[in-house]
Amino acid sequence: MTTNAKINIEASFNSKTLNGKISDITIGSEKFTDIALQGQIKGNTFTNTNDVVLDGAFYGDNAESAVGVFKDGKQGLAGGFGALKK
């Protein structure tokens, strides 16, 4: 089974907040609604501040990459992600 999605994360290290979304989610032929991400940054890690369980960390020079896991209980979705700064 093929899983596809896009992730967009915006981090403010000044206010120590993270916002974003996981979008265009498909598993096989089933499509899911976007998942809103909200988090609090502590050091190089982040955790959720909304209903979606979110745990992750920033890595590399100037936090050029982020990896983490999420769980959306409303849709019954869970997974991991990796993202690079554009």
C-alpha atoms as a PDB file:
ATOM      1  CA  MET A   1       0.000   0.000   0.000  1.00  0.00           C
ATOM      2  CA  THR A   2       1.322   3.445  -0.926  1.00  0.00           C
ATOM      3  CA  THR A   3       1.152   6.414   1.444  1.00  0.00           C
ATOM      4  CA  ASN A   4       1.697   9.983   0.240  1.00  0.00           C
ATOM      5  CA  ALA A   5       1.518  13.354   1.988  1.00  0.00           C
ATOM      6  CA  LYS A   6       3.113  16.793   2.103  1.00  0.00           C
ATOM      7  CA  ILE A   7       4.284  18.596   5.217  1.00  0.00           C
ATOM      8  CA  ASN A   8       4.796  22.297   5.802  1.00  0.00           C
ATOM      9  CA  ILE A   9       6.307  23.522   9.076  1.00  0.00           C
ATOM     10  CA  GLU A  10       6.936  27.108  10.141  1.00  0.00           C
ATOM     11  CA  ALA A  11       9.038  27.526  13.265  1.00  0.00           C
ATOM     12  CA  SER A  12       9.567  30.713  15.243  1.00  0.00           C
ATOM     13  CA  PHE A  13      12.539  30.229  17.509  1.00  0.00           C
ATOM     14  CA  ASN A  14      11.951  33.719  18.975  1.00  0.00           C
ATOM     15  CA  SER A  15       8.439  32.878  20.225  1.00  0.00           C
ATOM     16  CA  LYS A  16       9.272  29.151  20.554  1.00  0.00           C
ATOM     17  CA  THR A  17       6.237  28.087  18.497  1.00  0.00           C
ATOM     18  CA  LEU A  18       5.695  25.740  15.582  1.00  0.00           C
ATOM     19  CA  ASN A  19       2.756  25.755  13.155  1.00  0.00           C
ATOM     20  CA  GLY A  20       2.110  23.764  10.045  1.00  0.00           C
ATOM     21  CA  LYS A  21       0.077  21.074   8.392  1.00  0.00           C
ATOM     22  CA  ILE A  22       0.247  17.686   6.798  1.00  0.00           C
ATOM     23  CA  SER A  23      -1.735  17.837   3.556  1.00  0.00           C
ATOM     24  CA  ASP A  24      -2.593  15.843   0.429  1.00  0.00           C
ATOM     25  CA  ILE A  25      -2.758  12.683   2.533  1.00  0.00           C
ATOM     26  CA  THR A  26      -3.596   9.492   0.653  1.00  0.00           C
ATOM     27  CA  ILE A  27      -3.272   5.887   1.759  1.00  0.00           C
ATOM     28  CA  GLY A  28      -3.927   3.575  -1.144  1.00  0.00           C
ATOM     29  CA  SER A  29      -6.920   5.200  -2.829  1.00  0.00           C
ATOM     30  CA  GLU A  30      -8.339   6.746   0.382  1.00  0.00           C
ATOM     31  CA  LYS A  31      -7.913  10.504   0.914  1.00  0.00           C
ATOM     32  CA  PHE A  32      -7.817  12.191   4.324  1.00  0.00           C
ATOM     33  CA  THR A  33      -8.312  15.771   5.486  1.00  0.00           C
ATOM     34  CA  ASP A  34      -5.343  17.996   6.316  1.00  0.00           C
ATOM     35  CA  ILE A  35      -3.849  17.706   9.795  1.00  0.00           C
ATOM     36  CA  ALA A  36      -3.061  20.978  11.590  1.00  0.00           C
ATOM     37  CA  LEU A  37       0.183  20.994  13.552  1.00  0.00           C
ATOM     38  CA  GLN A  38       0.813  23.295  16.516  1.00  0.00           C
ATOM     39  CA  GLY A  39       3.701  22.931  18.862  1.00  0.00           C
ATOM     40  CA  GLN A  40       5.995  24.429  21.419  1.00  0.00           C
ATOM     41  CA  ILE A  41       9.757  24.476  20.826  1.00  0.00           C
ATOM     42  CA  LYS A  42      12.138  23.627  23.680  1.00  0.00           C
ATOM     43  CA  GLY A  43      15.795  23.649  22.683  1.00  0.00           C
ATOM     44  CA  ASN A  44      15.916  21.642  19.456  1.00  0.00           C
ATOM     45  CA  THR A  45      12.745  19.597  20.209  1.00  0.00           C
ATOM     46  CA  PHE A  46       9.048  20.280  19.721  1.00  0.00           C
ATOM     47  CA  THR A  47       5.820  18.855  21.143  1.00  0.00           C
ATOM     48  CA  ASN A  48       2.132  19.387  20.429  1.00  0.00           C
ATOM     49  CA  THR A  49      -0.118  22.111  21.783  1.00  0.00           C
ATOM     50  CA  ASN A  50      -3.319  20.951  20.032  1.00  0.00           C
ATOM     51  CA  ASP A  51      -5.285  17.686  19.686  1.00  0.00           C
ATOM     52  CA  VAL A  52      -2.708  16.062  17.395  1.00  0.00           C
ATOM     53  CA  VAL A  53       0.075  14.231  19.247  1.00  0.00           C
ATOM     54  CA  LEU A  54       3.351  15.589  17.883  1.00  0.00           C
ATOM     55  CA  ASP A  55       6.934  14.904  18.969  1.00  0.00           C
ATOM     56  CA  GLY A  56      10.037  15.806  17.014  1.00  0.00           C
ATOM     57  CA  ALA A  57      13.334  17.611  16.776  1.00  0.00           C
ATOM     58  CA  PHE A  58      15.344  19.949  14.574  1.00  0.00           C
ATOM     59  CA  TYR A  59      18.778  18.887  13.332  1.00  0.00           C
ATOM     60  CA  GLY A  60      21.692  20.309  11.391  1.00  0.00           C
ATOM     61  CA  ASP A  61      23.151  23.766  10.958  1.00  0.00           C
ATOM     62  CA  ASN A  62      20.510  26.415  11.667  1.00  0.00           C
ATOM     63  CA  ALA A  63      17.863  23.704  12.214  1.00  0.00           C
ATOM     64  CA  GLU A  64      17.886  22.832   8.515  1.00  0.00           C
ATOM     65  CA  SER A  65      15.914  19.619   8.985  1.00  0.00           C
ATOM     66  CA  ALA A  66      13.072  18.371  11.172  1.00  0.00           C
ATOM     67  CA  VAL A  67      11.955  14.840  11.958  1.00  0.00           C
ATOM     68  CA  GLY A  68       9.104  13.629  14.088  1.00  0.00           C
ATOM     69  CA  VAL A  69       6.079  11.488  14.673  1.00  0.00           C
ATOM     70  CA  PHE A  70       2.398  12.373  14.856  1.00  0.00           C
ATOM     71  CA  LYS A  71      -0.922  10.800  15.791  1.00  0.00           C
ATOM     72  CA  ASP A  72      -4.310  12.163  14.736  1.00  0.00           C
ATOM     73  CA  GLY A  73      -6.914  10.311  16.778  1.00  0.00           C
ATOM     74  CA  LYS A  74      -9.852  11.898  14.930  1.00  0.00           C
ATOM     75  CA  GLN A  75      -8.877  10.241  11.641  1.00  0.00           C
ATOM     76  CA  GLY A  76      -7.030   7.272  13.102  1.00  0.00           C
ATOM     77  CA  LEU A  77      -3.756   8.268  11.438  1.00  0.00           C
ATOM     78  CA  ALA A  78      -0.230   8.010  12.793  1.00  0.00           C
ATOM     79  CA  GLY A  79       3.144   8.237  11.140  1.00  0.00           C
ATOM     80  CA  GLY A  80       6.572   9.743  10.930  1.00  0.00           C
ATOM     81  CA  PHE A  81       7.985  12.554   8.819  1.00  0.00           C
ATOM     82  CA  GLY A  82      11.186  14.229   7.757  1.00  0.00           C
ATOM     83  CA  ALA A  83      11.459  17.710   6.277  1.00  0.00           C
ATOM     84  CA  LEU A  84      14.225  19.967   4.950  1.00  0.00           C
ATOM     85  CA  LYS A  85      14.305  23.770   5.173  1.00  0.00           C
ATOM     86  CA  LYS A  86      13.638  25.573   1.894  1.00  0.00           C
END
